Amino acid sequence: MTPGDAFTLHQHYYRDYGLALEGLARFHKIDPMEFNREVDDALPLDDILSPDPELRKLLESFDKTKVKLWLFTNAHITHGMRVVRLLDLGESTTGGASYICSLTIYSRRLL
């Protein structure tokens, strides 16, 4: 497959399923967990992300007796928690999506 064909396929799956990986899993027997280990967990985020004291301060300013903060991601929870760790947000956020397609499926129902 040429890089151009791969790009077109990626766009097709992303448009039709909300997540390119959904199409890869359905039609090409790609294991989502293996994909996560080889792609999302392998990204050099340590070189890109650093602690964000302003964001942490903002998140800590919310009255947690009135609101519950959530982290939403269409990636696996390991990726989301890695981002939280690298941004040094710690206990500032709770919860999150634990399966890569859960938010995609919900959002497509709203369309």
PDB file of N, CA and C in Angstrom:
ATOM      1  N   MET A   1       0.857  -1.168   0.000  1.00  0.00           N
ATOM      2  CA  MET A   1       0.000   0.000   0.000  1.00  0.00           C
ATOM      3  C   MET A   1       0.907   1.236   0.000  1.00  0.00           C
ATOM      4  N   THR A   2       0.572   2.172  -0.840  1.00  0.00           N
ATOM      5  CA  THR A   2       1.361   3.402  -0.918  1.00  0.00           C
ATOM      6  C   THR A   2       1.001   4.318   0.264  1.00  0.00           C
ATOM      7  N   PRO A   3       1.863   5.252   0.603  1.00  0.00           N
ATOM      8  CA  PRO A   3       1.508   6.204   1.660  1.00  0.00           C
ATOM      9  C   PRO A   3       0.218   6.968   1.351  1.00  0.00           C
ATOM     10  N   GLY A   4       0.001   7.291   0.102  1.00  0.00           N
ATOM     11  CA  GLY A   4      -1.231   7.974  -0.283  1.00  0.00           C
ATOM     12  C   GLY A   4      -2.463   7.116  -0.063  1.00  0.00           C
ATOM     13  N   ASP A   5      -2.360   5.820  -0.422  1.00  0.00           N
ATOM     14  CA  ASP A   5      -3.471   4.893  -0.188  1.00  0.00           C
ATOM     15  C   ASP A   5      -3.742   4.729   1.307  1.00  0.00           C
ATOM     16  N   ALA A   6      -2.668   4.667   2.096  1.00  0.00           N
ATOM     17  CA  ALA A   6      -2.821   4.536   3.548  1.00  0.00           C
ATOM     18  C   ALA A   6      -3.526   5.761   4.121  1.00  0.00           C
ATOM     19  N   PHE A   7      -3.159   6.931   3.646  1.00  0.00           N
ATOM     20  CA  PHE A   7      -3.792   8.161   4.106  1.00  0.00           C
ATOM     21  C   PHE A   7      -5.285   8.164   3.755  1.00  0.00           C
ATOM     22  N   THR A   8      -5.602   7.775   2.537  1.00  0.00           N
ATOM     23  CA  THR A   8      -7.004   7.728   2.092  1.00  0.00           C
ATOM     24  C   THR A   8      -7.801   6.746   2.933  1.00  0.00           C
ATOM     25  N   LEU A   9      -7.237   5.565   3.198  1.00  0.00           N
ATOM     26  CA  LEU A   9      -7.916   4.567   4.016  1.00  0.00           C
ATOM     27  C   LEU A   9      -8.124   5.094   5.435  1.00  0.00           C
ATOM     28  N   HIS A  10      -7.107   5.738   5.982  1.00  0.00           N
ATOM     29  CA  HIS A  10      -7.205   6.318   7.319  1.00  0.00           C
ATOM     30  C   HIS A  10      -8.356   7.324   7.374  1.00  0.00           C
ATOM     31  N   GLN A  11      -8.418   8.211   6.404  1.00  0.00           N
ATOM     32  CA  GLN A  11      -9.479   9.217   6.369  1.00  0.00           C
ATOM     33  C   GLN A  11     -10.859   8.572   6.231  1.00  0.00           C
ATOM     34  N   HIS A  12     -10.944   7.533   5.408  1.00  0.00           N
ATOM     35  CA  HIS A  12     -12.211   6.815   5.214  1.00  0.00           C
ATOM     36  C   HIS A  12     -12.683   6.194   6.527  1.00  0.00           C
ATOM     37  N   TYR A  13     -11.794   5.475   7.215  1.00  0.00           N
ATOM     38  CA  TYR A  13     -12.171   4.844   8.477  1.00  0.00           C
ATOM     39  C   TYR A  13     -12.493   5.885   9.544  1.00  0.00           C
ATOM     40  N   TYR A  14     -11.715   6.952   9.583  1.00  0.00           N
ATOM     41  CA  TYR A  14     -11.964   8.002  10.570  1.00  0.00           C
ATOM     42  C   TYR A  14     -13.334   8.641  10.340  1.00  0.00           C
ATOM     43  N   ARG A  15     -13.639   8.921   9.090  1.00  0.00           N
ATOM     44  CA  ARG A  15     -14.920   9.548   8.740  1.00  0.00           C
ATOM     45  C   ARG A  15     -16.093   8.599   9.023  1.00  0.00           C
ATOM     46  N   ASP A  16     -15.956   7.324   8.657  1.00  0.00           N
ATOM     47  CA  ASP A  16     -17.061   6.381   8.791  1.00  0.00           C
ATOM     48  C   ASP A  16     -17.245   5.835  10.198  1.00  0.00           C
ATOM     49  N   TYR A  17     -16.152   5.723  10.965  1.00  0.00           N
ATOM     50  CA  TYR A  17     -16.229   5.085  12.278  1.00  0.00           C
ATOM     51  C   TYR A  17     -15.813   5.990  13.428  1.00  0.00           C
ATOM     52  N   GLY A  18     -15.360   7.212  13.121  1.00  0.00           N
ATOM     53  CA  GLY A  18     -14.962   8.120  14.175  1.00  0.00           C
ATOM     54  C   GLY A  18     -13.583   7.846  14.740  1.00  0.00           C
ATOM     55  N   LEU A  19     -12.982   6.763  14.286  1.00  0.00           N
ATOM     56  CA  LEU A  19     -11.666   6.354  14.760  1.00  0.00           C
ATOM     57  C   LEU A  19     -11.084   5.419  13.718  1.00  0.00           C
ATOM     58  N   ALA A  20      -9.933   5.756  13.187  1.00  0.00           N
ATOM     59  CA  ALA A  20      -9.335   4.916  12.149  1.00  0.00           C
ATOM     60  C   ALA A  20      -9.112   3.498  12.650  1.00  0.00           C
ATOM     61  N   LEU A  21      -8.753   3.368  13.915  1.00  0.00           N
ATOM     62  CA  LEU A  21      -8.502   2.036  14.472  1.00  0.00           C
ATOM     63  C   LEU A  21      -9.730   1.138  14.427  1.00  0.00           C
ATOM     64  N   GLU A  22     -10.903   1.722  14.529  1.00  0.00           N
ATOM     65  CA  GLU A  22     -12.135   0.926  14.451  1.00  0.00           C
ATOM     66  C   GLU A  22     -12.214   0.197  13.112  1.00  0.00           C
ATOM     67  N   GLY A  23     -11.906   0.886  12.026  1.00  0.00           N
ATOM     68  CA  GLY A  23     -11.902   0.242  10.708  1.00  0.00           C
ATOM     69  C   GLY A  23     -10.796  -0.789  10.589  1.00  0.00           C
ATOM     70  N   LEU A  24      -9.629  -0.482  11.139  1.00  0.00           N
ATOM     71  CA  LEU A  24      -8.524  -1.444  11.096  1.00  0.00           C
ATOM     72  C   LEU A  24      -8.870  -2.715  11.863  1.00  0.00           C
ATOM     73  N   ALA A  25      -9.520  -2.576  12.996  1.00  0.00           N
ATOM     74  CA  ALA A  25      -9.913  -3.748  13.785  1.00  0.00           C
ATOM     75  C   ALA A  25     -11.001  -4.551  13.071  1.00  0.00           C
ATOM     76  N   ARG A  26     -11.966  -3.866  12.489  1.00  0.00           N
ATOM     77  CA  ARG A  26     -13.084  -4.552  11.819  1.00  0.00           C
ATOM     78  C   ARG A  26     -12.665  -5.299  10.564  1.00  0.00           C
ATOM     79  N   PHE A  27     -11.837  -4.669   9.753  1.00  0.00           N
ATOM     80  CA  PHE A  27     -11.583  -5.207   8.422  1.00  0.00           C
ATOM     81  C   PHE A  27     -10.183  -5.781   8.207  1.00  0.00           C
ATOM     82  N   HIS A  28      -9.272  -5.522   9.138  1.00  0.00           N
ATOM     83  CA  HIS A  28      -7.894  -5.978   8.934  1.00  0.00           C
ATOM     84  C   HIS A  28      -7.348  -6.768  10.105  1.00  0.00           C
ATOM     85  N   LYS A  29      -8.238  -7.115  11.044  1.00  0.00           N
ATOM     86  CA  LYS A  29      -7.879  -7.934  12.198  1.00  0.00           C
ATOM     87  C   LYS A  29      -6.725  -7.347  13.010  1.00  0.00           C
ATOM     88  N   ILE A  30      -6.681  -6.016  13.100  1.00  0.00           N
ATOM     89  CA  ILE A  30      -5.688  -5.342  13.934  1.00  0.00           C
ATOM     90  C   ILE A  30      -6.179  -5.393  15.377  1.00  0.00           C
ATOM     91  N   ASP A  31      -5.351  -5.888  16.279  1.00  0.00           N
ATOM     92  CA  ASP A  31      -5.681  -5.959  17.700  1.00  0.00           C
ATOM     93  C   ASP A  31      -5.525  -4.556  18.297  1.00  0.00           C
ATOM     94  N   PRO A  32      -6.613  -3.970  18.790  1.00  0.00           N
ATOM     95  CA  PRO A  32      -6.530  -2.604  19.322  1.00  0.00           C
ATOM     96  C   PRO A  32      -5.518  -2.445  20.456  1.00  0.00           C
ATOM     97  N   MET A  33      -5.389  -3.441  21.314  1.00  0.00           N
ATOM     98  CA  MET A  33      -4.437  -3.337  22.422  1.00  0.00           C
ATOM     99  C   MET A  33      -2.994  -3.401  21.921  1.00  0.00           C
ATOM    100  N   GLU A  34      -2.753  -4.242  20.939  1.00  0.00           N
ATOM    101  CA  GLU A  34      -1.408  -4.291  20.359  1.00  0.00           C
ATOM    102  C   GLU A  34      -1.104  -2.974  19.643  1.00  0.00           C
ATOM    103  N   PHE A  35      -2.091  -2.458  18.924  1.00  0.00           N
ATOM    104  CA  PHE A  35      -1.933  -1.170  18.252  1.00  0.00           C
ATOM    105  C   PHE A  35      -1.600  -0.079  19.276  1.00  0.00           C
ATOM    106  N   ASN A  36      -2.317  -0.086  20.393  1.00  0.00           N
ATOM    107  CA  ASN A  36      -2.067   0.901  21.440  1.00  0.00           C
ATOM    108  C   ASN A  36      -0.629   0.811  21.946  1.00  0.00           C
ATOM    109  N   ARG A  37      -0.158  -0.416  22.189  1.00  0.00           N
ATOM    110  CA  ARG A  37       1.222  -0.593  22.675  1.00  0.00           C
ATOM    111  C   ARG A  37       2.239  -0.111  21.657  1.00  0.00           C
ATOM    112  N   GLU A  38       1.986  -0.408  20.382  1.00  0.00           N
ATOM    113  CA  GLU A  38       2.958  -0.099  19.334  1.00  0.00           C
ATOM    114  C   GLU A  38       2.880   1.351  18.835  1.00  0.00           C
ATOM    115  N   VAL A  39       1.724   2.000  19.028  1.00  0.00           N
ATOM    116  CA  VAL A  39       1.547   3.345  18.487  1.00  0.00           C
ATOM    117  C   VAL A  39       1.415   4.379  19.608  1.00  0.00           C
ATOM    118  N   ASP A  40       0.264   4.429  20.266  1.00  0.00           N
ATOM    119  CA  ASP A  40       0.043   5.475  21.274  1.00  0.00           C
ATOM    120  C   ASP A  40       1.061   5.412  22.409  1.00  0.00           C
ATOM    121  N   ASP A  41       1.289   4.219  22.954  1.00  0.00           N
ATOM    122  CA  ASP A  41       2.237   4.098  24.069  1.00  0.00           C
ATOM    123  C   ASP A  41       3.677   4.297  23.623  1.00  0.00           C
ATOM    124  N   ALA A  42       3.943   4.231  22.332  1.00  0.00           N
ATOM    125  CA  ALA A  42       5.307   4.387  21.819  1.00  0.00           C
ATOM    126  C   ALA A  42       5.616   5.828  21.392  1.00  0.00           C
ATOM    127  N   LEU A  43       4.620   6.698  21.407  1.00  0.00           N
ATOM    128  CA  LEU A  43       4.853   8.093  21.016  1.00  0.00           C
ATOM    129  C   LEU A  43       5.853   8.743  21.971  1.00  0.00           C
ATOM    130  N   PRO A  44       6.766   9.560  21.463  1.00  0.00           N
ATOM    131  CA  PRO A  44       7.763  10.202  22.324  1.00  0.00           C
ATOM    132  C   PRO A  44       7.188  11.414  23.071  1.00  0.00           C
ATOM    133  N   LEU A  45       6.140  11.182  23.833  1.00  0.00           N
ATOM    134  CA  LEU A  45       5.466  12.282  24.519  1.00  0.00           C
ATOM    135  C   LEU A  45       6.358  12.963  25.546  1.00  0.00           C
ATOM    136  N   ASP A  46       7.331  12.220  26.093  1.00  0.00           N
ATOM    137  CA  ASP A  46       8.251  12.805  27.071  1.00  0.00           C
ATOM    138  C   ASP A  46       9.018  13.974  26.463  1.00  0.00           C
ATOM    139  N   ASP A  47       9.205  13.941  25.144  1.00  0.00           N
ATOM    140  CA  ASP A  47       9.921  15.011  24.449  1.00  0.00           C
ATOM    141  C   ASP A  47       9.009  16.176  24.070  1.00  0.00           C
ATOM    142  N   ILE A  48       7.703  15.967  24.170  1.00  0.00           N
ATOM    143  CA  ILE A  48       6.733  16.956  23.699  1.00  0.00           C
ATOM    144  C   ILE A  48       5.996  17.638  24.847  1.00  0.00           C
ATOM    145  N   LEU A  49       5.597  16.846  25.845  1.00  0.00           N
ATOM    146  CA  LEU A  49       4.781  17.372  26.942  1.00  0.00           C
ATOM    147  C   LEU A  49       5.628  17.605  28.189  1.00  0.00           C
ATOM    148  N   SER A  50       5.264  18.635  28.925  1.00  0.00           N
ATOM    149  CA  SER A  50       5.940  18.916  30.191  1.00  0.00           C
ATOM    150  C   SER A  50       4.888  19.430  31.175  1.00  0.00           C
ATOM    151  N   PRO A  51       5.221  19.443  32.451  1.00  0.00           N
ATOM    152  CA  PRO A  51       4.243  19.908  33.442  1.00  0.00           C
ATOM    153  C   PRO A  51       3.660  21.272  33.071  1.00  0.00           C
ATOM    154  N   ASP A  52       2.362  21.399  33.325  1.00  0.00           N
ATOM    155  CA  ASP A  52       1.643  22.630  33.006  1.00  0.00           C
ATOM    156  C   ASP A  52       1.040  23.190  34.291  1.00  0.00           C
ATOM    157  N   PRO A  53       1.813  23.995  35.032  1.00  0.00           N
ATOM    158  CA  PRO A  53       1.327  24.510  36.313  1.00  0.00           C
ATOM    159  C   PRO A  53       0.063  25.362  36.190  1.00  0.00           C
ATOM    160  N   GLU A  54      -0.075  26.105  35.108  1.00  0.00           N
ATOM    161  CA  GLU A  54      -1.273  26.935  34.936  1.00  0.00           C
ATOM    162  C   GLU A  54      -2.522  26.076  34.786  1.00  0.00           C
ATOM    163  N   LEU A  55      -2.422  25.015  33.992  1.00  0.00           N
ATOM    164  CA  LEU A  55      -3.569  24.120  33.820  1.00  0.00           C
ATOM    165  C   LEU A  55      -3.881  23.418  35.137  1.00  0.00           C
ATOM    166  N   ARG A  56      -2.857  22.965  35.829  1.00  0.00           N
ATOM    167  CA  ARG A  56      -3.083  22.304  37.121  1.00  0.00           C
ATOM    168  C   ARG A  56      -3.787  23.257  38.080  1.00  0.00           C
ATOM    169  N   LYS A  57      -3.330  24.514  38.146  1.00  0.00           N
ATOM    170  CA  LYS A  57      -3.943  25.504  39.031  1.00  0.00           C
ATOM    171  C   LYS A  57      -5.409  25.731  38.665  1.00  0.00           C
ATOM    172  N   LEU A  58      -5.682  25.825  37.362  1.00  0.00           N
ATOM    173  CA  LEU A  58      -7.062  26.004  36.912  1.00  0.00           C
ATOM    174  C   LEU A  58      -7.929  24.823  37.348  1.00  0.00           C
ATOM    175  N   LEU A  59      -7.457  23.613  37.117  1.00  0.00           N
ATOM    176  CA  LEU A  59      -8.238  22.426  37.475  1.00  0.00           C
ATOM    177  C   LEU A  59      -8.444  22.325  38.985  1.00  0.00           C
ATOM    178  N   GLU A  60      -7.435  22.696  39.737  1.00  0.00           N
ATOM    179  CA  GLU A  60      -7.551  22.636  41.200  1.00  0.00           C
ATOM    180  C   GLU A  60      -8.464  23.726  41.742  1.00  0.00           C
ATOM    181  N   SER A  61      -8.746  24.758  40.948  1.00  0.00           N
ATOM    182  CA  SER A  61      -9.599  25.855  41.415  1.00  0.00           C
ATOM    183  C   SER A  61     -11.087  25.489  41.426  1.00  0.00           C
ATOM    184  N   PHE A  62     -11.474  24.426  40.737  1.00  0.00           N
ATOM    185  CA  PHE A  62     -12.877  24.017  40.721  1.00  0.00           C
ATOM    186  C   PHE A  62     -13.271  23.449  42.080  1.00  0.00           C
ATOM    187  N   ASP A  63     -14.463  23.789  42.511  1.00  0.00           N
ATOM    188  CA  ASP A  63     -14.999  23.254  43.757  1.00  0.00           C
ATOM    189  C   ASP A  63     -15.460  21.819  43.504  1.00  0.00           C
ATOM    190  N   LYS A  64     -14.684  20.868  43.990  1.00  0.00           N
ATOM    191  CA  LYS A  64     -14.959  19.456  43.700  1.00  0.00           C
ATOM    192  C   LYS A  64     -16.198  18.929  44.434  1.00  0.00           C
ATOM    193  N   THR A  65     -16.771  19.747  45.319  1.00  0.00           N
ATOM    194  CA  THR A  65     -18.038  19.342  45.931  1.00  0.00           C
ATOM    195  C   THR A  65     -19.205  19.657  45.013  1.00  0.00           C
ATOM    196  N   LYS A  66     -18.937  20.504  43.989  1.00  0.00           N
ATOM    197  CA  LYS A  66     -19.995  20.897  43.053  1.00  0.00           C
ATOM    198  C   LYS A  66     -19.828  20.293  41.673  1.00  0.00           C
ATOM    199  N   VAL A  67     -18.593  19.994  41.296  1.00  0.00           N
ATOM    200  CA  VAL A  67     -18.342  19.420  39.968  1.00  0.00           C
ATOM    201  C   VAL A  67     -17.365  18.255  40.097  1.00  0.00           C
ATOM    202  N   LYS A  68     -17.504  17.321  39.198  1.00  0.00           N
ATOM    203  CA  LYS A  68     -16.560  16.219  39.099  1.00  0.00           C
ATOM    204  C   LYS A  68     -15.845  16.370  37.763  1.00  0.00           C
ATOM    205  N   LEU A  69     -14.538  16.491  37.807  1.00  0.00           N
ATOM    206  CA  LEU A  69     -13.760  16.666  36.592  1.00  0.00           C
ATOM    207  C   LEU A  69     -13.484  15.309  35.953  1.00  0.00           C
ATOM    208  N   TRP A  70     -13.596  15.262  34.646  1.00  0.00           N
ATOM    209  CA  TRP A  70     -13.371  14.032  33.895  1.00  0.00           C
ATOM    210  C   TRP A  70     -12.358  14.276  32.796  1.00  0.00           C
ATOM    211  N   LEU A  71     -11.620  13.265  32.489  1.00  0.00           N
ATOM    212  CA  LEU A  71     -10.699  13.284  31.356  1.00  0.00           C
ATOM    213  C   LEU A  71     -11.295  12.382  30.287  1.00  0.00           C
ATOM    214  N   PHE A  72     -11.609  12.943  29.141  1.00  0.00           N
ATOM    215  CA  PHE A  72     -12.147  12.159  28.035  1.00  0.00           C
ATOM    216  C   PHE A  72     -11.087  12.026  26.955  1.00  0.00           C
ATOM    217  N   THR A  73     -10.964  10.833  26.439  1.00  0.00           N
ATOM    218  CA  THR A  73     -10.023  10.565  25.363  1.00  0.00           C
ATOM    219  C   THR A  73     -10.589   9.467  24.485  1.00  0.00           C
ATOM    220  N   ASN A  74     -10.242   9.488  23.214  1.00  0.00           N
ATOM    221  CA  ASN A  74     -10.643   8.369  22.364  1.00  0.00           C
ATOM    222  C   ASN A  74      -9.522   7.343  22.299  1.00  0.00           C
ATOM    223  N   ALA A  75      -8.448   7.596  23.032  1.00  0.00           N
ATOM    224  CA  ALA A  75      -7.348   6.639  23.130  1.00  0.00           C
ATOM    225  C   ALA A  75      -7.594   5.728  24.326  1.00  0.00           C
ATOM    226  N   HIS A  76      -6.766   4.719  24.457  1.00  0.00           N
ATOM    227  CA  HIS A  76      -6.862   3.831  25.607  1.00  0.00           C
ATOM    228  C   HIS A  76      -6.485   4.597  26.870  1.00  0.00           C
ATOM    229  N   ILE A  77      -6.970   4.152  27.995  1.00  0.00           N
ATOM    230  CA  ILE A  77      -6.736   4.857  29.253  1.00  0.00           C
ATOM    231  C   ILE A  77      -5.247   4.987  29.577  1.00  0.00           C
ATOM    232  N   THR A  78      -4.416   4.040  29.140  1.00  0.00           N
ATOM    233  CA  THR A  78      -2.983   4.150  29.421  1.00  0.00           C
ATOM    234  C   THR A  78      -2.391   5.399  28.774  1.00  0.00           C
ATOM    235  N   HIS A  79      -2.860   5.728  27.585  1.00  0.00           N
ATOM    236  CA  HIS A  79      -2.383   6.927  26.894  1.00  0.00           C
ATOM    237  C   HIS A  79      -2.854   8.178  27.638  1.00  0.00           C
ATOM    238  N   GLY A  80      -4.127   8.199  28.000  1.00  0.00           N
ATOM    239  CA  GLY A  80      -4.663   9.350  28.728  1.00  0.00           C
ATOM    240  C   GLY A  80      -3.958   9.577  30.053  1.00  0.00           C
ATOM    241  N   MET A  81      -3.717   8.511  30.796  1.00  0.00           N
ATOM    242  CA  MET A  81      -3.056   8.652  32.086  1.00  0.00           C
ATOM    243  C   MET A  81      -1.592   9.053  31.915  1.00  0.00           C
ATOM    244  N   ARG A  82      -0.973   8.616  30.838  1.00  0.00           N
ATOM    245  CA  ARG A  82       0.408   9.034  30.553  1.00  0.00           C
ATOM    246  C   ARG A  82       0.454  10.541  30.305  1.00  0.00           C
ATOM    247  N   VAL A  83      -0.499  11.056  29.551  1.00  0.00           N
ATOM    248  CA  VAL A  83      -0.569  12.492  29.293  1.00  0.00           C
ATOM    249  C   VAL A  83      -0.783  13.247  30.603  1.00  0.00           C
ATOM    250  N   VAL A  84      -1.689  12.757  31.447  1.00  0.00           N
ATOM    251  CA  VAL A  84      -1.944  13.391  32.742  1.00  0.00           C
ATOM    252  C   VAL A  84      -0.661  13.425  33.575  1.00  0.00           C
ATOM    253  N   ARG A  85       0.069  12.314  33.591  1.00  0.00           N
ATOM    254  CA  ARG A  85       1.317  12.249  34.357  1.00  0.00           C
ATOM    255  C   ARG A  85       2.341  13.239  33.821  1.00  0.00           C
ATOM    256  N   LEU A  86       2.508  13.284  32.503  1.00  0.00           N
ATOM    257  CA  LEU A  86       3.503  14.176  31.910  1.00  0.00           C
ATOM    258  C   LEU A  86       3.153  15.656  32.107  1.00  0.00           C
ATOM    259  N   LEU A  87       1.860  15.967  32.145  1.00  0.00           N
ATOM    260  CA  LEU A  87       1.435  17.342  32.396  1.00  0.00           C
ATOM    261  C   LEU A  87       1.411  17.659  33.890  1.00  0.00           C
ATOM    262  N   ASP A  88       1.671  16.633  34.718  1.00  0.00           N
ATOM    263  CA  ASP A  88       1.676  16.756  36.171  1.00  0.00           C
ATOM    264  C   ASP A  88       0.336  17.259  36.686  1.00  0.00           C
ATOM    265  N   LEU A  89      -0.733  16.641  36.199  1.00  0.00           N
ATOM    266  CA  LEU A  89      -2.067  17.029  36.635  1.00  0.00           C
ATOM    267  C   LEU A  89      -2.549  16.184  37.796  1.00  0.00           C
ATOM    268  N   GLY A  90      -1.950  15.024  37.983  1.00  0.00           N
ATOM    269  CA  GLY A  90      -2.227  14.186  39.138  1.00  0.00           C
ATOM    270  C   GLY A  90      -3.686  14.041  39.478  1.00  0.00           C
ATOM    271  N   GLU A  91      -4.021  14.436  40.694  1.00  0.00           N
ATOM    272  CA  GLU A  91      -5.384  14.283  41.194  1.00  0.00           C
ATOM    273  C   GLU A  91      -6.330  15.353  40.664  1.00  0.00           C
ATOM    274  N   SER A  92      -5.863  16.211  39.785  1.00  0.00           N
ATOM    275  CA  SER A  92      -6.717  17.278  39.258  1.00  0.00           C
ATOM    276  C   SER A  92      -7.852  16.738  38.406  1.00  0.00           C
ATOM    277  N   THR A  93      -7.656  15.574  37.816  1.00  0.00           N
ATOM    278  CA  THR A  93      -8.703  14.966  36.991  1.00  0.00           C
ATOM    279  C   THR A  93      -8.991  13.578  37.509  1.00  0.00           C
ATOM    280  N   THR A  94     -10.197  13.122  37.280  1.00  0.00           N
ATOM    281  CA  THR A  94     -10.572  11.757  37.655  1.00  0.00           C
ATOM    282  C   THR A  94     -11.402  11.172  36.542  1.00  0.00           C
ATOM    283  N   GLY A  95     -11.508   9.876  36.535  1.00  0.00           N
ATOM    284  CA  GLY A  95     -12.349   9.202  35.556  1.00  0.00           C
ATOM    285  C   GLY A  95     -11.673   9.101  34.211  1.00  0.00           C
ATOM    286  N   GLY A  96     -12.461   8.964  33.162  1.00  0.00           N
ATOM    287  CA  GLY A  96     -11.923   8.864  31.822  1.00  0.00           C
ATOM    288  C   GLY A  96     -12.508   7.692  31.072  1.00  0.00           C
ATOM    289  N   ALA A  97     -12.236   7.630  29.821  1.00  0.00           N
ATOM    290  CA  ALA A  97     -12.725   6.550  28.975  1.00  0.00           C
ATOM    291  C   ALA A  97     -11.715   5.417  29.014  1.00  0.00           C
ATOM    292  N   SER A  98     -12.164   4.226  29.281  1.00  0.00           N
ATOM    293  CA  SER A  98     -11.229   3.117  29.395  1.00  0.00           C
ATOM    294  C   SER A  98     -11.180   2.262  28.132  1.00  0.00           C
ATOM    295  N   TYR A  99     -11.983   2.560  27.167  1.00  0.00           N
ATOM    296  CA  TYR A  99     -11.948   1.800  25.918  1.00  0.00           C
ATOM    297  C   TYR A  99     -11.894   2.776  24.761  1.00  0.00           C
ATOM    298  N   ILE A 100     -11.074   2.473  23.790  1.00  0.00           N
ATOM    299  CA  ILE A 100     -10.771   3.430  22.736  1.00  0.00           C
ATOM    300  C   ILE A 100     -11.972   3.889  21.921  1.00  0.00           C
ATOM    301  N   CYS A 101     -13.009   3.087  21.830  1.00  0.00           N
ATOM    302  CA  CYS A 101     -14.136   3.451  20.965  1.00  0.00           C
ATOM    303  C   CYS A 101     -15.363   3.923  21.743  1.00  0.00           C
ATOM    304  N   SER A 102     -15.337   3.893  23.042  1.00  0.00           N
ATOM    305  CA  SER A 102     -16.555   4.165  23.805  1.00  0.00           C
ATOM    306  C   SER A 102     -17.135   5.543  23.516  1.00  0.00           C
ATOM    307  N   LEU A 103     -16.319   6.563  23.458  1.00  0.00           N
ATOM    308  CA  LEU A 103     -16.838   7.903  23.183  1.00  0.00           C
ATOM    309  C   LEU A 103     -17.266   8.044  21.743  1.00  0.00           C
ATOM    310  N   THR A 104     -16.580   7.379  20.846  1.00  0.00           N
ATOM    311  CA  THR A 104     -16.921   7.440  19.436  1.00  0.00           C
ATOM    312  C   THR A 104     -18.311   6.861  19.200  1.00  0.00           C
ATOM    313  N   ILE A 105     -18.592   5.711  19.791  1.00  0.00           N
ATOM    314  CA  ILE A 105     -19.888   5.081  19.611  1.00  0.00           C
ATOM    315  C   ILE A 105     -20.988   5.981  20.175  1.00  0.00           C
ATOM    316  N   TYR A 106     -20.763   6.547  21.351  1.00  0.00           N
ATOM    317  CA  TYR A 106     -21.761   7.428  21.958  1.00  0.00           C
ATOM    318  C   TYR A 106     -21.988   8.667  21.094  1.00  0.00           C
ATOM    319  N   SER A 107     -20.919   9.296  20.647  1.00  0.00           N
ATOM    320  CA  SER A 107     -21.068  10.534  19.886  1.00  0.00           C
ATOM    321  C   SER A 107     -21.738  10.285  18.546  1.00  0.00           C
ATOM    322  N   ARG A 108     -21.502   9.128  17.914  1.00  0.00           N
ATOM    323  CA  ARG A 108     -22.151   8.851  16.640  1.00  0.00           C
ATOM    324  C   ARG A 108     -23.657   8.693  16.810  1.00  0.00           C
ATOM    325  N   ARG A 109     -24.110   8.249  17.982  1.00  0.00           N
ATOM    326  CA  ARG A 109     -25.543   8.137  18.228  1.00  0.00           C
ATOM    327  C   ARG A 109     -26.199   9.511  18.296  1.00  0.00           C
ATOM    328  N   LEU A 110     -25.412  10.522  18.658  1.00  0.00           N
ATOM    329  CA  LEU A 110     -25.966  11.873  18.768  1.00  0.00           C
ATOM    330  C   LEU A 110     -26.121  12.550  17.425  1.00  0.00           C
ATOM    331  N   LEU A 111     -25.425  12.054  16.404  1.00  0.00           N
ATOM    332  CA  LEU A 111     -25.457  12.698  15.081  1.00  0.00           C
ATOM    333  C   LEU A 111     -26.725  12.409  14.332  1.00  0.00           C
TER     334      LEU A 111
END
